[in-house]
Each structure stands twice: as structure tokens, then as C-alpha cells.
Amino acid sequence: MLSLNTQPTGVMLRPNSARVLIRPFIPSDPARIVNILGRALSLNEAETEEQLAAVTEDFGNRHLDVRAIWQRHFERVKPHVFSGRALSETRQLYIGALFSGEYALESAALFNPSIVAHPDQSRLGDGELRFILSLRATGEGHISSIGFRTGIIRADHSVAMDEASRFVAAPVLNPNPTYKKTIFLHKLMEMGFENEWSAEVMQSLGDDFTLSELETAMRRTGPDGGPVPREVQRTTECVRWLAESNYEIHFDPAIALAERIIFPVSSNESNGMEDARFVRFVEDDGRVIYYATYTAYNGRAILPQLLETTDFVNFRARTLNGRAVQNKGMALFPRRIDGRYAMISRQDDENLYLMFSGHPHFWTEPQILRRPSQPWETVKIGNCGSPIETDAGWLVITHGVGPMRKYCIGALLLDLHDPSVVIGELKQPLLQPAENEREGYVPNVVYTCGALLHRNRLVLPYGLSDMAATIVTIELNALLDALRSS
């Protein structure tokens, strides 16, 4: 490992099984739902009040707003309620509790962080920077979600983390999100569902349309009566899947950022949202938007997706489109280069690629950037977050996999004006698992999803063997000298 005045910060983030989220606990079999509802409806009002009081006493102090969550879960099973009488609020909440369950978000692991400057840089001392750390939280069933922590990097590069409470809150899903027709059509074409039926549906919609307008258009299109052709059935399923995959969520701004958790929403991410790489992207006109590429996993296949936010309160999840949207580890550059978006990717689970696009949602022309060349990356290489702009060039933090599936962190330096040109690379790892970092959920791994620069030092958070996370700082000039001398 290189000697680059690497300084530990003393920060160690470990999984906390006390941080629990309430999830729907609804059987897939409608008959079982009806059976549970029948038992709930058989109670008289006094018995229902007694049961609700007991469950509230048991769980009320473990969550920020348990009654609101139970009410939302009741609404999900309400169509199965067979009683003709109006249900009291007490009975609705009790039914909601019956179809709810706690999930320990980070009981297994809290790792693979990325770091960006916080949108709010007020009330700081000279030389200080407030940051947001995103983390991959993994719980029962290896389901991953996106969690956050906040803190301040002091002028002397020490790091003060804000205290995170035991509470967590999921966002509210917008029931009627908006879509752009051009993006929707492109994805349908890419998936092979451009046909007469879908063309008629899309033609009836505006350039921007809502989910309810889409549903109305689908009901009005097609044959009147009789069996629905198989092609139309399959296209309808695809359209609904695509709509579900492009969603909008919203947090209550009063909830602390460290208490906000983005848990899988769509079916394509039902088994996890993995390794979000956040970047503070500055448009040519100065507007700032935070993008995060992440890997959606449904238990069988992966799908690269893109999160967008300006405030970490409102988020939009979007599918990425084009034949270059392959594999894991896509990472946006923090600004356009010659008017185009740029992305580091790994198309083949082995090499690093570079691609450019006029739109952040469309990627088609990858070009090879670098192949594994060092012994510690013989198996494969990938990126470890968005490139970082320096006067010397684009600093790209990488990971390499070598013998015994050992993951190390390395670095490349790309030309500032033409990032397809590699002008420096590390011959030795920047970081490799120390002896006390080798044991974990996946042993012998150090991995990061993004770093930042602060006062001429690289602030590098990284995961330890897919279990916990820490932060170190590295002298930038020494790192650049090592890259340029290679």
C-alpha cells in the first residue's frame, strides 16, 4: 500500500439493529387477507380499542408516527374488507397493525458509503464543510436500502459526525407521478414493446403525462370486448412495470436526514437498492442537482437506475436507457464536458469504460478506458464513485479484485479535457484491507462509492468487508505525484 499521509478520522459506522422500519406484512394470497380481516371484524368495539391500546403501548415509542403508517397499511387492504358498515378509526388502525411488521434495516451491514457536500453550508466556521454520507444498509434477507448520515469536516480535516437517533422513516410514494413521453417511448422501444397498441396509447398522451392519464389511455385503447391479444397483455405488463420503476418519493422535511431511509419501492428493486454513487452535479448555468446511480436488484437480475434530488427531501427514481446501460458501477462526472454528460461504467464485469451522452438518461456508445493491469486487480476492475476534478486532471477512485477475491482501492488520473486519456495510475493499492478489516459479511474487501476534496485532502469513506464503514483523509498532492510518476 502507498504511503500518502493517510490519516484515520476515528469515525466508525456499524450496523444498528435497533433502527427498524415498519413494512407492509400482507399475505400474497387474498384468501388469507380475508381470513385475517374476518377475525379483526369479529371483535366488538371495546375489544378492538383494547387490542389497539396494547399494540400502541408495545410499538408506539419505537417509531416516529406509527398511527399514520398503520393507516396507510389499512388503505392497502381496504378493498378486501367485506363488511358493509363504516369502520371506526380505531378498527382501521388495528387492522393496519395486523398487516404491518418491523424490519431491521441495517441489522446485517452498513457499508459502501459515498460522500457529497450538503446543500446547506450555513452556520459553519472558516474552512469547514458540511457533508452528506449515503450508506448501503442491509438487513434480513439481504435486502439493501439507502440510508444517510451527516457531519462536518473541520478546517484541520477532523470529522464530526452528527448523532443519528434510533428512529427511521420511509418516504411517502407519490401515487400519481409524472413521466416524459420521450423517455418512456425510448425505453419501450429498447425493450421491444413498440407496437400498434403502445403507439396508440402514447399518441393519446401529452409530452408530459401522469400515471392516472396513462391508465386512462390504456383502458381506452384496444379491442372493445372479446379476448385481449397476448401481445397487448405483455405490452400492458411492460408499460405498468416501466411506470412503477419511474417513481417519485417525498420525505417530511422535519425528519432529520439521518432518519430518512429509501427502501425498495418498485418490483425491479424488490431485493435491494445497492451501492448508490451520489454526485453533486453542477449544470452549465450553475444549477445544482444531486444524482445517484444505483443497482436495482429483484433477486434474479440487476438494473442500473438513477436517483435525482435537489434537497434530499424529494427524490425521483428513473430507469437508465440505451444499450450501454449494463452491469454495475456506473458513475456520472460532476459536470458536462464539452456540453455532454460523461459516465464511467463497467460493461463486461471486467474492464472500465467511458461514455458520453447528451442526456443523463440515455447511454449508447461505451469506449474502453482501462483494462486490469496490476496484480491486485487481475480478476477485474471497477470505479469507486464519480470522478473528482483537480487541476491535474480527473481523479478516479477505482477498485480492483485480485487473488482470493481480495478487493483493494486504487486510483487513475484522466486528462481534464479528454478523459478518454489515462495520464496516470497507481501501481500499488491506495487502500487494501488491514488485518483488523478483513473479517465481515464478505471478507477481504475495502470499497467506496464516492469521495470528495476538502482543503487539499481527499476525504475517503469506505466500507469494511461489507459490514461497517469508516473515513480516512489522504494528502491530495502526494496522491497526484504518485499518479503522475507512474
Protein backbone atom coordinates (compact mmCIF):
# COMPACT_ATOMS: atom_id res chain seq x y z
CA MET A 1 0.00 0.00 0.00
CA LEU A 2 1.23 3.53 -0.76
CA SER A 3 2.39 5.91 1.96
CA LEU A 4 0.47 9.12 1.24
CA ASN A 5 -0.01 10.65 4.67
CA THR A 6 -3.24 8.71 5.11
CA GLN A 7 -4.97 9.81 8.30
CA PRO A 8 -7.80 7.92 10.01
CA THR A 9 -10.59 10.10 11.36
CA GLY A 10 -11.76 7.77 14.11
CA VAL A 11 -15.19 7.53 12.51
CA MET A 12 -16.61 4.02 12.60
CA LEU A 13 -20.18 3.38 11.50
CA ARG A 14 -21.53 -0.03 12.45
CA PRO A 15 -24.92 -1.63 11.83
CA ASN A 16 -27.54 -0.92 14.47
CA SER A 17 -30.33 -3.50 14.69
CA ALA A 18 -32.41 -1.08 16.80
CA ARG A 19 -33.12 1.04 13.71
CA VAL A 20 -36.34 -0.56 12.50
CA LEU A 21 -38.78 0.39 9.77
CA ILE A 22 -42.44 -0.63 9.60
CA ARG A 23 -43.12 -2.51 6.37
CA PRO A 24 -46.37 -3.95 4.99
CA PHE A 25 -46.87 -7.54 6.17
CA ILE A 26 -49.58 -8.53 3.71
CA PRO A 27 -50.03 -12.13 2.52
CA SER A 28 -49.94 -12.70 -1.24
CA ASP A 29 -52.98 -14.96 -1.02
CA PRO A 30 -56.20 -12.87 -0.97
CA ALA A 31 -57.97 -15.63 0.98
CA ARG A 32 -55.54 -15.20 3.88
CA ILE A 33 -56.11 -11.44 3.85
CA VAL A 34 -59.86 -12.03 4.10
CA ASN A 35 -59.38 -14.51 6.94
CA ILE A 36 -57.33 -12.01 8.96
CA LEU A 37 -59.87 -9.27 8.30
CA GLY A 38 -62.66 -11.59 9.40
CA ARG A 39 -61.01 -12.16 12.76
CA ALA A 40 -60.42 -8.42 13.19
CA LEU A 41 -64.03 -7.58 12.33
CA SER A 42 -65.37 -10.20 14.74
CA LEU A 43 -64.15 -8.12 17.71
CA ASN A 44 -66.55 -5.65 19.23
CA GLU A 45 -65.50 -2.00 19.53
CA ALA A 46 -64.32 -2.28 23.14
CA GLU A 47 -62.18 -5.31 22.32
CA THR A 48 -60.73 -3.50 19.32
CA GLU A 49 -59.85 -0.48 21.45
CA GLU A 50 -58.17 -2.77 23.97
CA GLN A 51 -56.11 -4.50 21.26
CA LEU A 52 -55.08 -1.22 19.64
CA ALA A 53 -54.05 0.21 23.02
CA ALA A 54 -51.90 -2.85 23.69
CA VAL A 55 -50.10 -2.76 20.33
CA THR A 56 -49.63 1.02 20.60
CA GLU A 57 -48.03 0.64 24.02
CA ASP A 58 -45.80 -2.12 22.66
CA PHE A 59 -44.64 -0.35 19.48
CA GLY A 60 -45.59 3.34 19.70
CA ASN A 61 -42.28 4.52 21.17
CA ARG A 62 -40.24 2.64 18.56
CA HIS A 63 -41.40 4.80 15.63
CA LEU A 64 -41.92 8.45 14.75
CA ASP A 65 -45.57 8.24 13.64
CA VAL A 66 -46.83 4.70 13.99
CA ARG A 67 -50.52 5.56 13.61
CA ALA A 68 -50.00 7.20 10.20
CA ILE A 69 -48.16 4.10 8.98
CA TRP A 70 -50.89 1.77 10.22
CA GLN A 71 -53.48 3.93 8.46
CA ARG A 72 -51.57 3.68 5.16
CA HIS A 73 -51.35 -0.09 5.51
CA PHE A 74 -55.07 -0.32 6.22
CA GLU A 75 -55.74 1.53 2.96
CA ARG A 76 -53.80 -1.18 1.11
CA VAL A 77 -56.11 -3.96 2.35
CA LYS A 78 -59.29 -1.89 2.46
CA PRO A 79 -60.54 -3.30 -0.90
CA HIS A 80 -60.73 -6.73 0.78
CA VAL A 81 -62.98 -5.53 3.63
CA PHE A 82 -66.29 -7.29 3.15
CA SER A 83 -68.21 -5.51 5.91
CA GLY A 84 -70.87 -3.07 4.76
CA ARG A 85 -70.64 -0.96 7.90
CA ALA A 86 -68.34 2.02 8.30
CA LEU A 87 -65.21 1.20 10.29
CA SER A 88 -64.09 3.36 13.17
CA GLU A 89 -60.62 4.92 13.12
CA THR A 90 -59.67 2.57 15.96
CA ARG A 91 -60.61 -0.50 13.94
CA GLN A 92 -58.84 0.81 10.83
CA LEU A 93 -55.63 1.38 12.80
CA TYR A 94 -55.85 -2.05 14.42
CA ILE A 95 -56.30 -3.68 11.01
CA GLY A 96 -53.34 -1.66 9.72
CA ALA A 97 -51.22 -3.00 12.59
CA LEU A 98 -52.24 -6.57 11.73
CA PHE A 99 -50.81 -6.06 8.25
CA SER A 100 -47.57 -4.44 9.44
CA GLY A 101 -44.22 -5.71 10.66
CA GLU A 102 -40.87 -4.31 11.73
CA TYR A 103 -37.78 -4.66 9.56
CA ALA A 104 -34.28 -4.04 10.94
CA LEU A 105 -32.77 -2.13 8.03
CA GLU A 106 -29.10 -2.42 8.93
CA SER A 107 -29.07 -5.48 11.16
CA ALA A 108 -26.62 -7.26 8.84
CA ALA A 109 -24.43 -4.47 7.49
CA LEU A 110 -23.88 -0.73 6.98
CA PHE A 111 -21.28 -0.15 4.31
CA ASN A 112 -20.20 1.13 0.86
CA PRO A 113 -20.57 4.88 1.52
CA SER A 114 -20.45 7.85 -0.81
CA ILE A 115 -20.00 11.46 0.31
CA VAL A 116 -21.15 14.81 -1.12
CA ALA A 117 -21.26 18.39 0.09
CA HIS A 118 -24.54 19.16 1.89
CA PRO A 119 -26.90 21.65 0.17
CA ASP A 120 -26.87 23.67 3.41
CA GLN A 121 -23.45 25.18 4.16
CA SER A 122 -24.71 27.84 6.61
CA ARG A 123 -23.58 28.34 10.21
CA LEU A 124 -20.08 26.93 9.66
CA GLY A 125 -16.67 28.16 10.73
CA ASP A 126 -13.87 29.09 8.35
CA GLY A 127 -12.61 26.09 6.42
CA GLU A 128 -15.47 23.79 7.45
CA LEU A 129 -17.68 21.71 5.16
CA ARG A 130 -20.98 20.05 5.97
CA PHE A 131 -21.47 16.74 4.17
CA ILE A 132 -24.00 14.01 3.49
CA LEU A 133 -22.86 10.41 3.66
CA SER A 134 -25.00 7.81 1.91
CA LEU A 135 -24.70 4.20 3.02
CA ARG A 136 -25.92 0.81 1.91
CA ALA A 137 -27.96 -0.61 4.79
CA THR A 138 -28.61 -4.35 4.64
CA GLY A 139 -31.00 -6.36 6.78
CA GLU A 140 -32.89 -9.64 6.85
CA GLY A 141 -32.95 -11.44 3.50
CA HIS A 142 -30.01 -9.34 2.30
CA ILE A 143 -32.37 -6.54 1.22
CA SER A 144 -30.42 -3.31 0.79
CA SER A 145 -31.74 0.22 1.15
CA ILE A 146 -30.16 3.69 1.07
CA GLY A 147 -29.52 5.41 4.39
CA PHE A 148 -27.88 8.72 5.26
CA ARG A 149 -25.65 10.31 7.86
CA THR A 150 -24.47 13.93 8.16
CA GLY A 151 -21.46 15.62 9.66
CA ILE A 152 -18.86 18.36 9.37
CA ILE A 153 -15.27 18.24 8.13
CA ARG A 154 -13.31 20.72 10.23
CA ALA A 155 -10.58 23.01 8.93
CA ASP A 156 -7.98 20.60 10.37
CA HIS A 157 -9.67 17.69 8.50
CA SER A 158 -11.07 16.10 11.62
CA VAL A 159 -14.61 14.77 11.13
CA ALA A 160 -17.52 15.36 13.49
CA MET A 161 -20.49 13.10 12.77
CA ASP A 162 -23.98 14.24 13.74
CA GLU A 163 -25.66 11.87 16.14
CA ALA A 164 -28.17 9.55 14.49
CA SER A 165 -31.22 8.53 16.51
CA ARG A 166 -32.67 5.02 16.52
CA PHE A 167 -35.67 6.22 14.52
CA VAL A 168 -36.03 5.82 10.76
CA ALA A 169 -38.77 6.89 8.39
CA ALA A 170 -39.65 5.80 4.89
CA PRO A 171 -40.79 8.38 2.34
CA VAL A 172 -44.31 8.77 1.01
CA LEU A 173 -44.75 7.50 -2.55
CA ASN A 174 -46.39 9.93 -4.96
CA PRO A 175 -49.48 7.98 -6.16
CA ASN A 176 -49.67 9.94 -9.42
CA PRO A 177 -46.16 10.71 -10.71
CA THR A 178 -45.36 12.49 -13.96
CA TYR A 179 -43.49 10.99 -16.92
CA LYS A 180 -41.82 12.36 -20.03
CA LYS A 181 -43.10 10.77 -23.23
CA THR A 182 -39.69 10.78 -24.98
CA ILE A 183 -38.04 8.79 -22.19
CA PHE A 184 -40.98 6.41 -21.84
CA LEU A 185 -41.09 5.72 -25.59
CA HIS A 186 -37.34 5.15 -25.79
CA LYS A 187 -37.46 2.51 -23.06
CA LEU A 188 -40.43 0.75 -24.67
CA MET A 189 -38.52 0.60 -27.97
CA GLU A 190 -35.41 -0.66 -26.22
CA MET A 191 -37.40 -3.46 -24.59
CA GLY A 192 -39.05 -4.47 -27.85
CA PHE A 193 -42.58 -3.31 -27.00
CA GLU A 194 -43.07 -0.73 -29.73
CA ASN A 195 -46.23 -1.93 -31.46
CA GLU A 196 -49.55 -0.66 -32.75
CA TRP A 197 -51.22 -0.74 -29.32
CA SER A 198 -48.42 1.08 -27.48
CA ALA A 199 -48.13 3.65 -30.30
CA GLU A 200 -51.84 4.43 -29.99
CA VAL A 201 -51.55 4.75 -26.20
CA MET A 202 -48.55 7.07 -26.41
CA GLN A 203 -50.08 9.16 -29.19
CA SER A 204 -53.07 9.99 -26.97
CA LEU A 205 -50.82 11.39 -24.24
CA GLY A 206 -49.09 14.75 -23.94
CA ASP A 207 -45.35 15.35 -23.83
CA ASP A 208 -45.66 15.07 -20.05
CA PHE A 209 -48.31 12.80 -18.59
CA THR A 210 -49.35 11.41 -15.22
CA LEU A 211 -49.86 7.81 -14.12
CA SER A 212 -53.64 8.30 -14.00
CA GLU A 213 -53.62 9.67 -17.56
CA LEU A 214 -51.57 6.66 -18.67
CA GLU A 215 -54.03 4.23 -17.05
CA THR A 216 -56.95 6.02 -18.70
CA ALA A 217 -55.25 5.88 -22.10
CA MET A 218 -54.60 2.14 -21.74
CA ARG A 219 -58.23 1.42 -20.81
CA ARG A 220 -59.49 3.35 -23.84
CA THR A 221 -57.11 1.72 -26.30
CA GLY A 222 -57.50 -1.67 -27.90
CA PRO A 223 -60.31 -4.04 -28.80
CA ASP A 224 -63.83 -3.49 -27.45
CA GLY A 225 -64.83 -6.73 -25.76
CA GLY A 226 -63.54 -10.18 -26.55
CA PRO A 227 -60.18 -11.67 -25.56
CA VAL A 228 -57.18 -9.37 -25.28
CA PRO A 229 -54.36 -10.39 -27.65
CA ARG A 230 -51.29 -11.81 -25.94
CA GLU A 231 -49.09 -9.08 -27.40
CA VAL A 232 -51.30 -6.41 -25.83
CA GLN A 233 -51.28 -8.23 -22.48
CA ARG A 234 -47.48 -8.41 -22.47
CA THR A 235 -47.13 -4.77 -23.55
CA THR A 236 -49.57 -3.68 -20.84
CA GLU A 237 -47.48 -5.52 -18.24
CA CYS A 238 -44.33 -3.87 -19.55
CA VAL A 239 -45.88 -0.39 -19.50
CA ARG A 240 -47.05 -0.85 -15.91
CA TRP A 241 -43.62 -2.20 -14.90
CA LEU A 242 -41.95 0.80 -16.53
CA ALA A 243 -44.32 3.22 -14.81
CA GLU A 244 -43.67 1.55 -11.46
CA SER A 245 -39.91 1.76 -11.98
CA ASN A 246 -40.04 5.53 -12.53
CA TYR A 247 -41.39 6.85 -9.27
CA GLU A 248 -41.36 9.90 -7.01
CA ILE A 249 -40.98 9.92 -3.23
CA HIS A 250 -41.15 12.64 -0.61
CA PHE A 251 -39.92 12.93 2.98
CA ASP A 252 -41.31 15.17 5.68
CA PRO A 253 -38.64 17.94 5.86
CA ALA A 254 -38.98 17.92 9.65
CA ILE A 255 -37.45 14.43 9.76
CA ALA A 256 -33.68 14.53 10.23
CA LEU A 257 -31.68 13.40 7.22
CA ALA A 258 -30.12 10.56 9.21
CA GLU A 259 -33.65 9.27 9.91
CA ARG A 260 -34.64 9.14 6.22
CA ILE A 261 -34.36 5.78 4.53
CA ILE A 262 -35.02 4.98 0.88
CA PHE A 263 -36.36 1.45 0.92
CA PRO A 264 -37.08 -0.52 -2.30
CA VAL A 265 -40.27 0.66 -3.97
CA SER A 266 -40.54 -0.97 -7.39
CA SER A 267 -40.55 -4.66 -8.28
CA ASN A 268 -37.22 -4.39 -10.09
CA GLU A 269 -35.53 -3.39 -6.82
CA SER A 270 -37.53 -5.67 -4.53
CA ASN A 271 -34.37 -7.40 -3.30
CA GLY A 272 -32.35 -4.26 -2.88
CA MET A 273 -31.02 -0.86 -3.89
CA GLU A 274 -27.28 -1.41 -3.96
CA ASP A 275 -24.22 0.85 -3.86
CA ALA A 276 -25.61 4.33 -4.56
CA ARG A 277 -22.95 6.61 -6.03
CA PHE A 278 -24.03 10.18 -5.25
CA VAL A 279 -22.54 13.15 -7.07
CA ARG A 280 -23.14 16.88 -6.73
CA PHE A 281 -23.70 17.78 -10.38
CA VAL A 282 -23.34 21.41 -11.48
CA GLU A 283 -25.04 22.34 -14.73
CA ASP A 284 -23.52 24.85 -17.14
CA ASP A 285 -25.89 27.55 -15.86
CA GLY A 286 -24.87 26.90 -12.23
CA ARG A 287 -27.90 24.86 -11.17
CA VAL A 288 -27.07 22.03 -8.77
CA ILE A 289 -28.72 18.63 -8.79
CA TYR A 290 -27.66 15.55 -6.89
CA TYR A 291 -27.64 12.38 -8.96
CA ALA A 292 -27.06 8.86 -7.68
CA THR A 293 -26.60 5.82 -9.84
CA TYR A 294 -27.52 2.62 -8.05
CA THR A 295 -28.13 -1.04 -8.82
CA ALA A 296 -31.71 -2.27 -8.56
CA TYR A 297 -31.91 -5.99 -7.82
CA ASN A 298 -35.03 -8.17 -7.89
CA GLY A 299 -33.41 -11.43 -6.78
CA ARG A 300 -32.70 -12.56 -10.35
CA ALA A 301 -31.48 -9.64 -12.43
CA ILE A 302 -29.84 -6.26 -11.90
CA LEU A 303 -30.89 -2.96 -13.46
CA PRO A 304 -28.90 0.30 -13.25
CA GLN A 305 -31.13 3.16 -12.10
CA LEU A 306 -30.75 6.88 -11.40
CA LEU A 307 -31.95 8.89 -8.39
CA GLU A 308 -32.35 12.65 -8.68
CA THR A 309 -32.82 15.26 -5.93
CA THR A 310 -32.02 18.88 -5.18
CA ASP A 311 -32.81 18.85 -1.46
CA PHE A 312 -32.72 15.21 -0.18
CA VAL A 313 -36.42 15.65 0.61
CA ASN A 314 -37.92 14.98 -2.82
CA PHE A 315 -36.46 12.20 -4.98
CA ARG A 316 -37.20 10.88 -8.46
CA ALA A 317 -36.11 7.38 -9.50
CA ARG A 318 -35.60 6.90 -13.22
CA THR A 319 -34.66 3.97 -15.43
CA LEU A 320 -31.49 4.42 -17.46
CA ASN A 321 -31.84 3.72 -21.15
CA GLY A 322 -29.66 2.56 -24.03
CA ARG A 323 -27.54 -0.44 -24.92
CA ALA A 324 -24.66 0.88 -22.78
CA VAL A 325 -26.74 0.54 -19.59
CA GLN A 326 -25.14 -2.70 -18.50
CA ASN A 327 -23.66 -4.21 -15.34
CA LYS A 328 -22.94 -2.43 -12.06
CA GLY A 329 -20.86 0.57 -11.11
CA MET A 330 -21.98 3.45 -13.31
CA ALA A 331 -20.81 6.87 -12.07
CA LEU A 332 -21.51 10.33 -13.52
CA PHE A 333 -18.89 13.03 -13.85
CA PRO A 334 -19.83 16.10 -11.73
CA ARG A 335 -20.31 18.40 -14.75
CA ARG A 336 -20.70 18.29 -18.51
CA ILE A 337 -17.58 18.02 -20.65
CA ASP A 338 -17.81 19.98 -23.91
CA GLY A 339 -21.57 20.13 -23.49
CA ARG A 340 -22.05 16.40 -22.93
CA TYR A 341 -22.69 14.27 -19.85
CA ALA A 342 -19.95 11.75 -19.12
CA MET A 343 -20.07 8.47 -17.24
CA ILE A 344 -17.61 5.84 -16.04
CA SER A 345 -19.06 2.33 -16.36
CA ARG A 346 -18.20 -1.35 -16.50
CA GLN A 347 -19.95 -3.05 -19.37
CA ASP A 348 -18.49 -6.52 -19.05
CA ASP A 349 -17.80 -7.09 -15.33
CA GLU A 350 -14.09 -6.82 -16.04
CA ASN A 351 -12.92 -3.52 -17.58
CA LEU A 352 -13.51 0.22 -17.13
CA TYR A 353 -15.40 2.10 -19.84
CA LEU A 354 -16.11 5.74 -20.60
CA MET A 355 -19.23 7.03 -22.34
CA PHE A 356 -20.76 10.37 -23.30
CA SER A 357 -24.36 11.44 -23.84
CA GLY A 358 -26.48 14.49 -24.49
CA HIS A 359 -29.00 13.32 -21.86
CA PRO A 360 -28.37 11.77 -18.41
CA HIS A 361 -30.96 9.03 -19.02
CA PHE A 362 -29.62 7.73 -22.38
CA TRP A 363 -26.29 5.92 -22.87
CA THR A 364 -25.29 4.10 -26.05
CA GLU A 365 -21.61 4.34 -27.02
CA PRO A 366 -19.16 2.98 -24.41
CA GLN A 367 -15.44 3.02 -25.15
CA ILE A 368 -12.80 1.04 -23.31
CA LEU A 369 -10.90 3.19 -20.82
CA ARG A 370 -8.68 0.74 -18.99
CA ARG A 371 -8.18 -3.00 -18.58
CA PRO A 372 -6.81 -4.71 -15.46
CA SER A 373 -3.03 -4.27 -15.43
CA GLN A 374 -1.79 -4.67 -11.85
CA PRO A 375 -1.50 -7.95 -9.90
CA TRP A 376 -4.02 -6.78 -7.26
CA GLU A 377 -6.69 -6.20 -9.96
CA THR A 378 -6.08 -9.21 -12.19
CA VAL A 379 -9.65 -10.52 -11.88
CA LYS A 380 -11.46 -7.25 -12.64
CA ILE A 381 -11.60 -3.52 -12.02
CA GLY A 382 -14.40 -1.02 -11.46
CA ASN A 383 -14.96 2.54 -10.36
CA CYS A 384 -15.46 3.64 -6.77
CA GLY A 385 -17.59 6.71 -7.35
CA SER A 386 -17.81 9.75 -9.55
CA PRO A 387 -14.58 11.29 -10.90
CA ILE A 388 -13.23 14.22 -8.89
CA GLU A 389 -11.99 17.32 -10.71
CA THR A 390 -8.49 18.55 -9.84
CA ASP A 391 -6.13 20.98 -11.61
CA ALA A 392 -4.04 17.96 -12.64
CA GLY A 393 -6.93 16.01 -14.16
CA TRP A 394 -9.93 13.86 -13.27
CA LEU A 395 -9.17 11.73 -10.22
CA VAL A 396 -10.99 8.40 -10.48
CA ILE A 397 -11.01 6.17 -7.41
CA THR A 398 -11.13 2.54 -8.54
CA HIS A 399 -11.40 -0.92 -7.04
CA GLY A 400 -9.52 -3.98 -8.14
CA VAL A 401 -10.20 -7.63 -7.44
CA GLY A 402 -7.23 -9.98 -7.19
CA PRO A 403 -6.37 -13.44 -5.85
CA MET A 404 -8.78 -14.90 -3.29
CA ARG A 405 -11.37 -12.26 -4.26
CA LYS A 406 -9.49 -9.60 -2.31
CA TYR A 407 -10.78 -6.08 -3.06
CA CYS A 408 -8.34 -3.14 -2.99
CA ILE A 409 -8.86 0.55 -3.75
CA GLY A 410 -6.74 2.22 -6.41
CA ALA A 411 -6.79 5.40 -8.49
CA LEU A 412 -6.45 6.72 -12.04
CA LEU A 413 -5.81 10.22 -13.37
CA LEU A 414 -7.60 11.20 -16.59
CA ASP A 415 -6.94 14.16 -18.84
CA LEU A 416 -9.10 17.11 -17.79
CA HIS A 417 -10.20 17.98 -21.34
CA ASP A 418 -10.19 14.48 -22.82
CA PRO A 419 -11.00 11.96 -20.07
CA SER A 420 -10.53 9.08 -22.50
CA VAL A 421 -6.80 9.61 -21.99
CA VAL A 422 -5.33 7.97 -18.87
CA ILE A 423 -2.36 10.10 -17.76
CA GLY A 424 -1.60 8.30 -14.50
CA GLU A 425 -2.37 5.19 -12.49
CA LEU A 426 -1.26 3.71 -9.19
CA LYS A 427 0.99 0.68 -9.36
CA GLN A 428 0.14 -0.21 -5.76
CA PRO A 429 -3.22 -0.04 -3.95
CA LEU A 430 -4.26 3.20 -2.36
CA LEU A 431 -6.00 1.14 0.33
CA GLN A 432 -6.22 -2.58 1.00
CA PRO A 433 -7.89 -4.48 3.83
CA ALA A 434 -5.88 -4.11 7.04
CA GLU A 435 -5.69 -7.16 9.27
CA ASN A 436 -8.46 -5.82 11.52
CA GLU A 437 -10.66 -5.03 8.47
CA ARG A 438 -10.64 -8.42 6.78
CA GLU A 439 -13.49 -10.13 8.65
CA GLY A 440 -17.11 -9.38 7.80
CA TYR A 441 -20.14 -10.31 5.74
CA VAL A 442 -17.84 -10.55 2.70
CA PRO A 443 -14.22 -10.88 3.91
CA ASN A 444 -11.15 -9.15 2.46
CA VAL A 445 -12.96 -6.16 0.96
CA VAL A 446 -12.43 -2.40 1.07
CA TYR A 447 -14.84 -0.49 -1.15
CA THR A 448 -16.16 3.03 -1.57
CA CYS A 449 -18.90 4.61 -3.66
CA GLY A 450 -17.53 8.15 -3.67
CA ALA A 451 -15.07 10.61 -2.11
CA LEU A 452 -14.64 14.39 -2.12
CA LEU A 453 -11.89 17.01 -1.83
CA HIS A 454 -11.57 19.40 1.09
CA ARG A 455 -8.70 21.85 1.59
CA ASN A 456 -6.23 19.86 -0.46
CA ARG A 457 -7.05 16.50 1.09
CA LEU A 458 -9.08 13.60 -0.27
CA VAL A 459 -11.84 12.65 2.16
CA LEU A 460 -12.39 8.95 1.51
CA PRO A 461 -15.15 6.97 3.26
CA TYR A 462 -15.04 3.24 2.63
CA GLY A 463 -16.74 0.00 3.60
CA LEU A 464 -15.00 -2.71 5.59
CA SER A 465 -15.67 -6.25 4.34
CA ASP A 466 -19.32 -5.41 3.60
CA MET A 467 -20.01 -4.90 7.30
CA ALA A 468 -19.19 -1.39 8.55
CA ALA A 469 -17.74 1.89 7.27
CA THR A 470 -15.01 4.34 8.20
CA ILE A 471 -13.41 7.53 6.84
CA VAL A 472 -9.78 8.44 6.14
CA THR A 473 -8.18 11.54 4.61
CA ILE A 474 -5.28 11.49 2.16
CA GLU A 475 -2.94 14.27 1.09
CA LEU A 476 -4.00 15.22 -2.44
CA ASN A 477 -0.65 16.48 -3.75
CA ALA A 478 1.12 13.31 -2.65
CA LEU A 479 -1.55 11.21 -4.39
CA LEU A 480 -1.29 13.25 -7.59
CA ASP A 481 2.51 12.99 -7.53
CA ALA A 482 2.22 9.20 -7.20
CA LEU A 483 -0.21 9.07 -10.11
CA ARG A 484 1.89 11.28 -12.38
CA SER A 485 5.11 9.45 -11.62
CA SER A 486 3.68 6.11 -12.75
